[in-house]
PDB file of N, CA and C in Angstrom:
ATOM      1  N   MET A   1     -12.934 -13.741  34.427  1.00  0.00           N
ATOM      2  CA  MET A   1     -13.936 -13.244  33.517  1.00  0.00           C
ATOM      3  C   MET A   1     -13.308 -12.801  32.184  1.00  0.00           C
ATOM      4  N   VAL A   2     -12.134 -12.214  32.236  1.00  0.00           N
ATOM      5  CA  VAL A   2     -11.450 -11.764  31.029  1.00  0.00           C
ATOM      6  C   VAL A   2     -11.075 -12.967  30.161  1.00  0.00           C
ATOM      7  N   VAL A   3     -10.701 -14.078  30.791  1.00  0.00           N
ATOM      8  CA  VAL A   3     -10.317 -15.277  30.050  1.00  0.00           C
ATOM      9  C   VAL A   3     -11.502 -15.793  29.236  1.00  0.00           C
ATOM     10  N   TYR A   4     -12.686 -15.771  29.802  1.00  0.00           N
ATOM     11  CA  TYR A   4     -13.870 -16.228  29.079  1.00  0.00           C
ATOM     12  C   TYR A   4     -14.147 -15.350  27.870  1.00  0.00           C
ATOM     13  N   ARG A   5     -13.961 -14.047  28.033  1.00  0.00           N
ATOM     14  CA  ARG A   5     -14.176 -13.142  26.901  1.00  0.00           C
ATOM     15  C   ARG A   5     -13.179 -13.406  25.784  1.00  0.00           C
ATOM     16  N   VAL A   6     -11.937 -13.640  26.178  1.00  0.00           N
ATOM     17  CA  VAL A   6     -10.902 -13.921  25.174  1.00  0.00           C
ATOM     18  C   VAL A   6     -11.247 -15.201  24.420  1.00  0.00           C
ATOM     19  N   HIS A   7     -11.652 -16.241  25.138  1.00  0.00           N
ATOM     20  CA  HIS A   7     -12.027 -17.498  24.489  1.00  0.00           C
ATOM     21  C   HIS A   7     -13.249 -17.309  23.591  1.00  0.00           C
ATOM     22  N   TRP A   8     -14.197 -16.525  24.050  1.00  0.00           N
ATOM     23  CA  TRP A   8     -15.394 -16.284  23.254  1.00  0.00           C
ATOM     24  C   TRP A   8     -15.036 -15.523  21.985  1.00  0.00           C
ATOM     25  N   LEU A   9     -14.181 -14.514  22.099  1.00  0.00           N
ATOM     26  CA  LEU A   9     -13.755 -13.747  20.927  1.00  0.00           C
ATOM     27  C   LEU A   9     -12.984 -14.626  19.940  1.00  0.00           C
ATOM     28  N   HIS A  10     -12.157 -15.502  20.486  1.00  0.00           N
ATOM     29  CA  HIS A  10     -11.405 -16.419  19.631  1.00  0.00           C
ATOM     30  C   HIS A  10     -12.367 -17.352  18.882  1.00  0.00           C
ATOM     31  N   ALA A  11     -13.350 -17.893  19.579  1.00  0.00           N
ATOM     32  CA  ALA A  11     -14.324 -18.788  18.957  1.00  0.00           C
ATOM     33  C   ALA A  11     -15.157 -18.043  17.920  1.00  0.00           C
ATOM     34  N   GLN A  12     -15.522 -16.822  18.214  1.00  0.00           N
ATOM     35  CA  GLN A  12     -16.300 -16.016  17.273  1.00  0.00           C
ATOM     36  C   GLN A  12     -15.491 -15.735  16.009  1.00  0.00           C
ATOM     37  N   ALA A  13     -14.221 -15.413  16.157  1.00  0.00           N
ATOM     38  CA  ALA A  13     -13.359 -15.149  15.002  1.00  0.00           C
ATOM     39  C   ALA A  13     -13.208 -16.410  14.142  1.00  0.00           C
ATOM     40  N   GLN A  14     -13.061 -17.546  14.791  1.00  0.00           N
ATOM     41  CA  GLN A  14     -12.941 -18.799  14.050  1.00  0.00           C
ATOM     42  C   GLN A  14     -14.240 -19.107  13.296  1.00  0.00           C
ATOM     43  N   PHE A  15     -15.362 -18.867  13.939  1.00  0.00           N
ATOM     44  CA  PHE A  15     -16.663 -19.063  13.290  1.00  0.00           C
ATOM     45  C   PHE A  15     -16.783 -18.189  12.051  1.00  0.00           C
ATOM     46  N   HIS A  16     -16.361 -16.947  12.131  1.00  0.00           N
ATOM     47  CA  HIS A  16     -16.435 -16.032  10.990  1.00  0.00           C
ATOM     48  C   HIS A  16     -15.492 -16.475   9.867  1.00  0.00           C
ATOM     49  N   ARG A  17     -14.330 -16.996  10.232  1.00  0.00           N
ATOM     50  CA  ARG A  17     -13.406 -17.503   9.210  1.00  0.00           C
ATOM     51  C   ARG A  17     -14.040 -18.673   8.454  1.00  0.00           C
ATOM     52  N   TRP A  18     -14.700 -19.559   9.178  1.00  0.00           N
ATOM     53  CA  TRP A  18     -15.341 -20.701   8.531  1.00  0.00           C
ATOM     54  C   TRP A  18     -16.525 -20.265   7.684  1.00  0.00           C
ATOM     55  N   GLN A  19     -17.265 -19.279   8.129  1.00  0.00           N
ATOM     56  CA  GLN A  19     -18.358 -18.751   7.305  1.00  0.00           C
ATOM     57  C   GLN A  19     -17.818 -18.198   5.984  1.00  0.00           C
ATOM     58  N   GLU A  20     -16.719 -17.482   6.073  1.00  0.00           N
ATOM     59  CA  GLU A  20     -16.109 -16.932   4.863  1.00  0.00           C
ATOM     60  C   GLU A  20     -15.622 -18.049   3.949  1.00  0.00           C
ATOM     61  N   GLU A  21     -15.062 -19.094   4.526  1.00  0.00           N
ATOM     62  CA  GLU A  21     -14.578 -20.222   3.735  1.00  0.00           C
ATOM     63  C   GLU A  21     -15.725 -20.917   3.005  1.00  0.00           C
ATOM     64  N   VAL A  22     -16.856 -21.072   3.669  1.00  0.00           N
ATOM     65  CA  VAL A  22     -18.026 -21.683   3.032  1.00  0.00           C
ATOM     66  C   VAL A  22     -18.495 -20.817   1.866  1.00  0.00           C
ATOM     67  N   THR A  23     -18.545 -19.518   2.071  1.00  0.00           N
ATOM     68  CA  THR A  23     -18.961 -18.603   1.001  1.00  0.00           C
ATOM     69  C   THR A  23     -18.018 -18.707  -0.193  1.00  0.00           C
ATOM     70  N   LEU A  24     -16.722 -18.710   0.065  1.00  0.00           N
ATOM     71  CA  LEU A  24     -15.747 -18.808  -1.024  1.00  0.00           C
ATOM     72  C   LEU A  24     -15.864 -20.139  -1.757  1.00  0.00           C
ATOM     73  N   THR A  25     -16.044 -21.213  -1.008  1.00  0.00           N
ATOM     74  CA  THR A  25     -16.151 -22.527  -1.630  1.00  0.00           C
ATOM     75  C   THR A  25     -17.382 -22.608  -2.524  1.00  0.00           C
ATOM     76  N   ARG A  26     -18.498 -22.072  -2.052  1.00  0.00           N
ATOM     77  CA  ARG A  26     -19.716 -22.079  -2.874  1.00  0.00           C
ATOM     78  C   ARG A  26     -19.521 -21.259  -4.145  1.00  0.00           C
ATOM     79  N   ASN A  27     -18.885 -20.121  -4.026  1.00  0.00           N
ATOM     80  CA  ASN A  27     -18.615 -19.304  -5.221  1.00  0.00           C
ATOM     81  C   ASN A  27     -17.692 -20.040  -6.179  1.00  0.00           C
ATOM     82  N   GLU A  28     -16.666 -20.692  -5.659  1.00  0.00           N
ATOM     83  CA  GLU A  28     -15.727 -21.415  -6.513  1.00  0.00           C
ATOM     84  C   GLU A  28     -16.414 -22.565  -7.233  1.00  0.00           C
ATOM     85  N   MET A  29     -17.387 -23.190  -6.583  1.00  0.00           N
ATOM     86  CA  MET A  29     -18.135 -24.255  -7.253  1.00  0.00           C
ATOM     87  C   MET A  29     -18.847 -23.708  -8.493  1.00  0.00           C
ATOM     88  N   HIS A  30     -19.460 -22.568  -8.352  1.00  0.00           N
ATOM     89  CA  HIS A  30     -20.148 -21.962  -9.499  1.00  0.00           C
ATOM     90  C   HIS A  30     -19.151 -21.471 -10.541  1.00  0.00           C
ATOM     91  N   TRP A  31     -18.034 -20.958 -10.111  1.00  0.00           N
ATOM     92  CA  TRP A  31     -17.033 -20.488 -11.063  1.00  0.00           C
ATOM     93  C   TRP A  31     -16.499 -21.631 -11.913  1.00  0.00           C
ATOM     94  N   VAL A  32     -16.332 -22.792 -11.318  1.00  0.00           N
ATOM     95  CA  VAL A  32     -15.868 -23.961 -12.074  1.00  0.00           C
ATOM     96  C   VAL A  32     -16.887 -24.320 -13.146  1.00  0.00           C
ATOM     97  N   ALA A  33     -18.146 -24.404 -12.760  1.00  0.00           N
ATOM     98  CA  ALA A  33     -19.196 -24.729 -13.733  1.00  0.00           C
ATOM     99  C   ALA A  33     -19.256 -23.674 -14.834  1.00  0.00           C
ATOM    100  N   ASN A  34     -19.138 -22.411 -14.467  1.00  0.00           N
ATOM    101  CA  ASN A  34     -19.166 -21.340 -15.470  1.00  0.00           C
ATOM    102  C   ASN A  34     -17.961 -21.408 -16.400  1.00  0.00           C
ATOM    103  N   TYR A  35     -16.804 -21.784 -15.868  1.00  0.00           N
ATOM    104  CA  TYR A  35     -15.609 -21.905 -16.704  1.00  0.00           C
ATOM    105  C   TYR A  35     -15.787 -23.010 -17.746  1.00  0.00           C
ATOM    106  N   PHE A  36     -16.363 -24.125 -17.332  1.00  0.00           N
ATOM    107  CA  PHE A  36     -16.597 -25.215 -18.279  1.00  0.00           C
ATOM    108  C   PHE A  36     -17.559 -24.777 -19.376  1.00  0.00           C
ATOM    109  N   THR A  37     -18.577 -24.010 -19.018  1.00  0.00           N
ATOM    110  CA  THR A  37     -19.510 -23.478 -20.018  1.00  0.00           C
ATOM    111  C   THR A  37     -18.785 -22.525 -20.964  1.00  0.00           C
ATOM    112  N   TYR A  38     -17.919 -21.691 -20.413  1.00  0.00           N
ATOM    113  CA  TYR A  38     -17.155 -20.745 -21.226  1.00  0.00           C
ATOM    114  C   TYR A  38     -16.264 -21.469 -22.226  1.00  0.00           C
ATOM    115  N   ARG A  39     -15.604 -22.539 -21.784  1.00  0.00           N
ATOM    116  CA  ARG A  39     -14.724 -23.285 -22.688  1.00  0.00           C
ATOM    117  C   ARG A  39     -15.525 -23.933 -23.818  1.00  0.00           C
ATOM    118  N   LYS A  40     -16.707 -24.447 -23.522  1.00  0.00           N
ATOM    119  CA  LYS A  40     -17.580 -25.003 -24.561  1.00  0.00           C
ATOM    120  C   LYS A  40     -17.957 -23.902 -25.558  1.00  0.00           C
ATOM    121  N   TYR A  41     -18.286 -22.731 -25.035  1.00  0.00           N
ATOM    122  CA  TYR A  41     -18.642 -21.599 -25.893  1.00  0.00           C
ATOM    123  C   TYR A  41     -17.450 -21.189 -26.772  1.00  0.00           C
ATOM    124  N   GLN A  42     -16.241 -21.227 -26.215  1.00  0.00           N
ATOM    125  CA  GLN A  42     -15.054 -20.887 -27.008  1.00  0.00           C
ATOM    126  C   GLN A  42     -14.917 -21.811 -28.205  1.00  0.00           C
ATOM    127  N   TRP A  43     -15.116 -23.106 -28.009  1.00  0.00           N
ATOM    128  CA  TRP A  43     -15.009 -24.050 -29.116  1.00  0.00           C
ATOM    129  C   TRP A  43     -16.119 -23.826 -30.129  1.00  0.00           C
ATOM    130  N   SER A  44     -17.322 -23.489 -29.667  1.00  0.00           N
ATOM    131  CA  SER A  44     -18.415 -23.202 -30.597  1.00  0.00           C
ATOM    132  C   SER A  44     -18.094 -21.971 -31.436  1.00  0.00           C
ATOM    133  N   THR A  45     -17.545 -20.954 -30.786  1.00  0.00           N
ATOM    134  CA  THR A  45     -17.177 -19.725 -31.485  1.00  0.00           C
ATOM    135  C   THR A  45     -16.082 -19.993 -32.510  1.00  0.00           C
ATOM    136  N   TRP A  46     -15.082 -20.733 -32.114  1.00  0.00           N
ATOM    137  CA  TRP A  46     -13.983 -21.055 -33.023  1.00  0.00           C
ATOM    138  C   TRP A  46     -14.506 -21.816 -34.236  1.00  0.00           C
ATOM    139  N   GLN A  47     -15.400 -22.744 -33.972  1.00  0.00           N
ATOM    140  CA  GLN A  47     -15.965 -23.556 -35.045  1.00  0.00           C
ATOM    141  C   GLN A  47     -16.782 -22.705 -36.015  1.00  0.00           C
ATOM    142  N   SER A  48     -17.533 -21.757 -35.495  1.00  0.00           N
ATOM    143  CA  SER A  48     -18.387 -20.946 -36.367  1.00  0.00           C
ATOM    144  C   SER A  48     -17.617 -19.844 -37.094  1.00  0.00           C
ATOM    145  N   THR A  49     -16.477 -19.424 -36.573  1.00  0.00           N
ATOM    146  CA  THR A  49     -15.714 -18.354 -37.221  1.00  0.00           C
ATOM    147  C   THR A  49     -14.690 -18.883 -38.226  1.00  0.00           C
ATOM    148  N   HIS A  50     -14.542 -20.174 -38.310  1.00  0.00           N
ATOM    149  CA  HIS A  50     -13.632 -20.780 -39.280  1.00  0.00           C
ATOM    150  C   HIS A  50     -14.449 -21.678 -40.214  1.00  0.00           C
ATOM    151  N   PRO A  51     -14.994 -21.096 -41.275  1.00  0.00           N
ATOM    152  CA  PRO A  51     -15.891 -21.879 -42.138  1.00  0.00           C
ATOM    153  C   PRO A  51     -15.182 -22.965 -42.950  1.00  0.00           C
ATOM    154  N   GLY A  52     -13.907 -22.839 -43.170  1.00  0.00           N
ATOM    155  CA  GLY A  52     -13.196 -23.811 -44.008  1.00  0.00           C
ATOM    156  C   GLY A  52     -12.585 -24.958 -43.236  1.00  0.00           C
ATOM    157  N   LEU A  53     -13.227 -25.403 -42.205  1.00  0.00           N
ATOM    158  CA  LEU A  53     -12.672 -26.492 -41.398  1.00  0.00           C
ATOM    159  C   LEU A  53     -12.744 -27.820 -42.148  1.00  0.00           C
ATOM    160  N   THR A  54     -11.727 -28.602 -41.954  1.00  0.00           N
ATOM    161  CA  THR A  54     -11.775 -29.961 -42.497  1.00  0.00           C
ATOM    162  C   THR A  54     -12.704 -30.792 -41.621  1.00  0.00           C
ATOM    163  N   ARG A  55     -13.040 -31.973 -42.095  1.00  0.00           N
ATOM    164  CA  ARG A  55     -13.898 -32.852 -41.292  1.00  0.00           C
ATOM    165  C   ARG A  55     -13.211 -33.224 -39.980  1.00  0.00           C
ATOM    166  N   GLY A  56     -11.912 -33.372 -40.033  1.00  0.00           N
ATOM    167  CA  GLY A  56     -11.152 -33.703 -38.822  1.00  0.00           C
ATOM    168  C   GLY A  56     -11.195 -32.577 -37.795  1.00  0.00           C
ATOM    169  N   HIS A  57     -11.014 -31.343 -38.275  1.00  0.00           N
ATOM    170  CA  HIS A  57     -11.097 -30.195 -37.373  1.00  0.00           C
ATOM    171  C   HIS A  57     -12.489 -30.075 -36.760  1.00  0.00           C
ATOM    172  N   HIS A  58     -13.487 -30.270 -37.608  1.00  0.00           N
ATOM    173  CA  HIS A  58     -14.861 -30.183 -37.137  1.00  0.00           C
ATOM    174  C   HIS A  58     -15.131 -31.257 -36.069  1.00  0.00           C
ATOM    175  N   ALA A  59     -14.680 -32.468 -36.328  1.00  0.00           N
ATOM    176  CA  ALA A  59     -14.877 -33.563 -35.372  1.00  0.00           C
ATOM    177  C   ALA A  59     -14.156 -33.274 -34.057  1.00  0.00           C
ATOM    178  N   TYR A  60     -12.935 -32.726 -34.167  1.00  0.00           N
ATOM    179  CA  TYR A  60     -12.179 -32.399 -32.950  1.00  0.00           C
ATOM    180  C   TYR A  60     -12.900 -31.322 -32.137  1.00  0.00           C
ATOM    181  N   ALA A  61     -13.405 -30.296 -32.811  1.00  0.00           N
ATOM    182  CA  ALA A  61     -14.124 -29.230 -32.113  1.00  0.00           C
ATOM    183  C   ALA A  61     -15.391 -29.776 -31.458  1.00  0.00           C
ATOM    184  N   GLU A  62     -16.099 -30.663 -32.156  1.00  0.00           N
ATOM    185  CA  GLU A  62     -17.303 -31.262 -31.573  1.00  0.00           C
ATOM    186  C   GLU A  62     -16.950 -32.081 -30.327  1.00  0.00           C
ATOM    187  N   ARG A  63     -15.848 -32.795 -30.387  1.00  0.00           N
ATOM    188  CA  ARG A  63     -15.430 -33.596 -29.235  1.00  0.00           C
ATOM    189  C   ARG A  63     -15.054 -32.693 -28.065  1.00  0.00           C
ATOM    190  N   GLN A  64     -14.393 -31.591 -28.344  1.00  0.00           N
ATOM    191  CA  GLN A  64     -14.031 -30.645 -27.279  1.00  0.00           C
ATOM    192  C   GLN A  64     -15.279 -30.047 -26.635  1.00  0.00           C
ATOM    193  N   LYS A  65     -16.242 -29.665 -27.452  1.00  0.00           N
ATOM    194  CA  LYS A  65     -17.484 -29.111 -26.918  1.00  0.00           C
ATOM    195  C   LYS A  65     -18.196 -30.146 -26.040  1.00  0.00           C
ATOM    196  N   ALA A  66     -18.228 -31.378 -26.509  1.00  0.00           N
ATOM    197  CA  ALA A  66     -18.878 -32.442 -25.731  1.00  0.00           C
ATOM    198  C   ALA A  66     -18.128 -32.696 -24.425  1.00  0.00           C
ATOM    199  N   MET A  67     -16.796 -32.660 -24.482  1.00  0.00           N
ATOM    200  CA  MET A  67     -16.003 -32.888 -23.282  1.00  0.00           C
ATOM    201  C   MET A  67     -16.272 -31.820 -22.227  1.00  0.00           C
ATOM    202  N   TRP A  68     -16.264 -30.545 -22.630  1.00  0.00           N
ATOM    203  CA  TRP A  68     -16.491 -29.464 -21.674  1.00  0.00           C
ATOM    204  C   TRP A  68     -17.917 -29.509 -21.133  1.00  0.00           C
ATOM    205  N   PHE A  69     -18.882 -29.878 -21.984  1.00  0.00           N
ATOM    206  CA  PHE A  69     -20.260 -30.008 -21.531  1.00  0.00           C
ATOM    207  C   PHE A  69     -20.379 -31.131 -20.499  1.00  0.00           C
ATOM    208  N   GLU A  70     -19.754 -32.260 -20.775  1.00  0.00           N
ATOM    209  CA  GLU A  70     -19.798 -33.383 -19.837  1.00  0.00           C
ATOM    210  C   GLU A  70     -19.115 -33.030 -18.519  1.00  0.00           C
ATOM    211  N   MET A  71     -18.017 -32.302 -18.592  1.00  0.00           N
ATOM    212  CA  MET A  71     -17.328 -31.891 -17.361  1.00  0.00           C
ATOM    213  C   MET A  71     -18.220 -30.975 -16.531  1.00  0.00           C
ATOM    214  N   ARG A  72     -18.944 -30.075 -17.201  1.00  0.00           N
ATOM    215  CA  ARG A  72     -19.854 -29.202 -16.457  1.00  0.00           C
ATOM    216  C   ARG A  72     -20.983 -30.005 -15.828  1.00  0.00           C
ATOM    217  N   GLN A  73     -21.551 -30.938 -16.583  1.00  0.00           N
ATOM    218  CA  GLN A  73     -22.639 -31.760 -16.054  1.00  0.00           C
ATOM    219  C   GLN A  73     -22.178 -32.565 -14.844  1.00  0.00           C
ATOM    220  N   GLU A  74     -21.009 -33.155 -14.943  1.00  0.00           N
ATOM    221  CA  GLU A  74     -20.483 -33.954 -13.834  1.00  0.00           C
ATOM    222  C   GLU A  74     -20.173 -33.087 -12.621  1.00  0.00           C
ATOM    223  N   ALA A  75     -19.589 -31.921 -12.858  1.00  0.00           N
ATOM    224  CA  ALA A  75     -19.286 -31.012 -11.745  1.00  0.00           C
ATOM    225  C   ALA A  75     -20.571 -30.571 -11.050  1.00  0.00           C
ATOM    226  N   CYS A  76     -21.574 -30.201 -11.824  1.00  0.00           N
ATOM    227  CA  CYS A  76     -22.851 -29.776 -11.233  1.00  0.00           C
ATOM    228  C   CYS A  76     -23.499 -30.904 -10.454  1.00  0.00           C
ATOM    229  N   ARG A  77     -23.399 -32.124 -10.965  1.00  0.00           N
ATOM    230  CA  ARG A  77     -23.964 -33.267 -10.249  1.00  0.00           C
ATOM    231  C   ARG A  77     -23.253 -33.483  -8.920  1.00  0.00           C
ATOM    232  N   LEU A  78     -21.933 -33.441  -8.945  1.00  0.00           N
ATOM    233  CA  LEU A  78     -21.157 -33.642  -7.722  1.00  0.00           C
ATOM    234  C   LEU A  78     -21.382 -32.502  -6.733  1.00  0.00           C
ATOM    235  N   PHE A  79     -21.441 -31.278  -7.233  1.00  0.00           N
ATOM    236  CA  PHE A  79     -21.669 -30.135  -6.349  1.00  0.00           C
ATOM    237  C   PHE A  79     -23.065 -30.198  -5.735  1.00  0.00           C
ATOM    238  N   ALA A  80     -24.051 -30.643  -6.515  1.00  0.00           N
ATOM    239  CA  ALA A  80     -25.408 -30.766  -5.981  1.00  0.00           C
ATOM    240  C   ALA A  80     -25.476 -31.859  -4.919  1.00  0.00           C
ATOM    241  N   ASP A  81     -24.663 -32.904  -5.063  1.00  0.00           N
ATOM    242  CA  ASP A  81     -24.597 -33.947  -4.031  1.00  0.00           C
ATOM    243  C   ASP A  81     -24.018 -33.395  -2.735  1.00  0.00           C
ATOM    244  N   ALA A  82     -23.032 -32.518  -2.859  1.00  0.00           N
ATOM    245  CA  ALA A  82     -22.377 -31.955  -1.674  1.00  0.00           C
ATOM    246  C   ALA A  82     -23.152 -30.788  -1.077  1.00  0.00           C
ATOM    247  N   TRP A  83     -23.919 -30.106  -1.909  1.00  0.00           N
ATOM    248  CA  TRP A  83     -24.635 -28.904  -1.473  1.00  0.00           C
ATOM    249  C   TRP A  83     -26.010 -28.927  -2.129  1.00  0.00           C
ATOM    250  N   ALA A  84     -27.009 -29.263  -1.361  1.00  0.00           N
ATOM    251  CA  ALA A  84     -28.342 -29.583  -1.882  1.00  0.00           C
ATOM    252  C   ALA A  84     -28.924 -28.476  -2.754  1.00  0.00           C
ATOM    253  N   ASN A  85     -28.784 -27.229  -2.380  1.00  0.00           N
ATOM    254  CA  ASN A  85     -29.382 -26.144  -3.178  1.00  0.00           C
ATOM    255  C   ASN A  85     -28.332 -25.439  -4.031  1.00  0.00           C
ATOM    256  N   PHE A  86     -27.477 -26.233  -4.666  1.00  0.00           N
ATOM    257  CA  PHE A  86     -26.397 -25.693  -5.498  1.00  0.00           C
ATOM    258  C   PHE A  86     -26.924 -24.763  -6.586  1.00  0.00           C
ATOM    259  N   ASN A  87     -28.002 -25.155  -7.236  1.00  0.00           N
ATOM    260  CA  ASN A  87     -28.521 -24.364  -8.354  1.00  0.00           C
ATOM    261  C   ASN A  87     -29.514 -23.294  -7.933  1.00  0.00           C
ATOM    262  N   ASP A  88     -29.915 -23.258  -6.667  1.00  0.00           N
ATOM    263  CA  ASP A  88     -30.978 -22.358  -6.244  1.00  0.00           C
ATOM    264  C   ASP A  88     -30.551 -21.274  -5.267  1.00  0.00           C
ATOM    265  N   ASP A  89     -29.274 -21.204  -4.931  1.00  0.00           N
ATOM    266  CA  ASP A  89     -28.834 -20.238  -3.913  1.00  0.00           C
ATOM    267  C   ASP A  89     -28.606 -18.872  -4.550  1.00  0.00           C
ATOM    268  N   PRO A  90     -29.412 -17.872  -4.193  1.00  0.00           N
ATOM    269  CA  PRO A  90     -29.264 -16.535  -4.802  1.00  0.00           C
ATOM    270  C   PRO A  90     -28.106 -15.733  -4.221  1.00  0.00           C
ATOM    271  N   THR A  91     -27.491 -16.220  -3.151  1.00  0.00           N
ATOM    272  CA  THR A  91     -26.418 -15.448  -2.515  1.00  0.00           C
ATOM    273  C   THR A  91     -25.068 -15.670  -3.177  1.00  0.00           C
ATOM    274  N   VAL A  92     -25.003 -16.586  -4.108  1.00  0.00           N
ATOM    275  CA  VAL A  92     -23.729 -16.926  -4.743  1.00  0.00           C
ATOM    276  C   VAL A  92     -23.399 -15.893  -5.804  1.00  0.00           C
ATOM    277  N   PHE A  93     -22.142 -15.474  -5.809  1.00  0.00           N
ATOM    278  CA  PHE A  93     -21.643 -14.537  -6.810  1.00  0.00           C
ATOM    279  C   PHE A  93     -21.162 -15.361  -7.996  1.00  0.00           C
ATOM    280  N   THR A  94     -21.878 -15.289  -9.121  1.00  0.00           N
ATOM    281  CA  THR A  94     -21.491 -16.095 -10.290  1.00  0.00           C
ATOM    282  C   THR A  94     -20.837 -15.270 -11.349  1.00  0.00           C
TER     283      THR A  94
END
């Protein structure tokens, strides 16, 4: 009887570890998307605080903003494919 309890406790502990891993993975998915948004915002801020930009600098900043936006869009698409309610889960810490 003691052996069954030990096995049950071991299985329960493993289940809790996997639950924690799922929670962390979901949070990390949102953190990645938020980081990409932050990087786009950084380029927008840099662009607006430096009024004397050359056309080349302006074009480079626009390309960076577009790149970070596209990375966020692609990440969100892939995350939504892997996790159906990626954008609707209120339990995620963002």
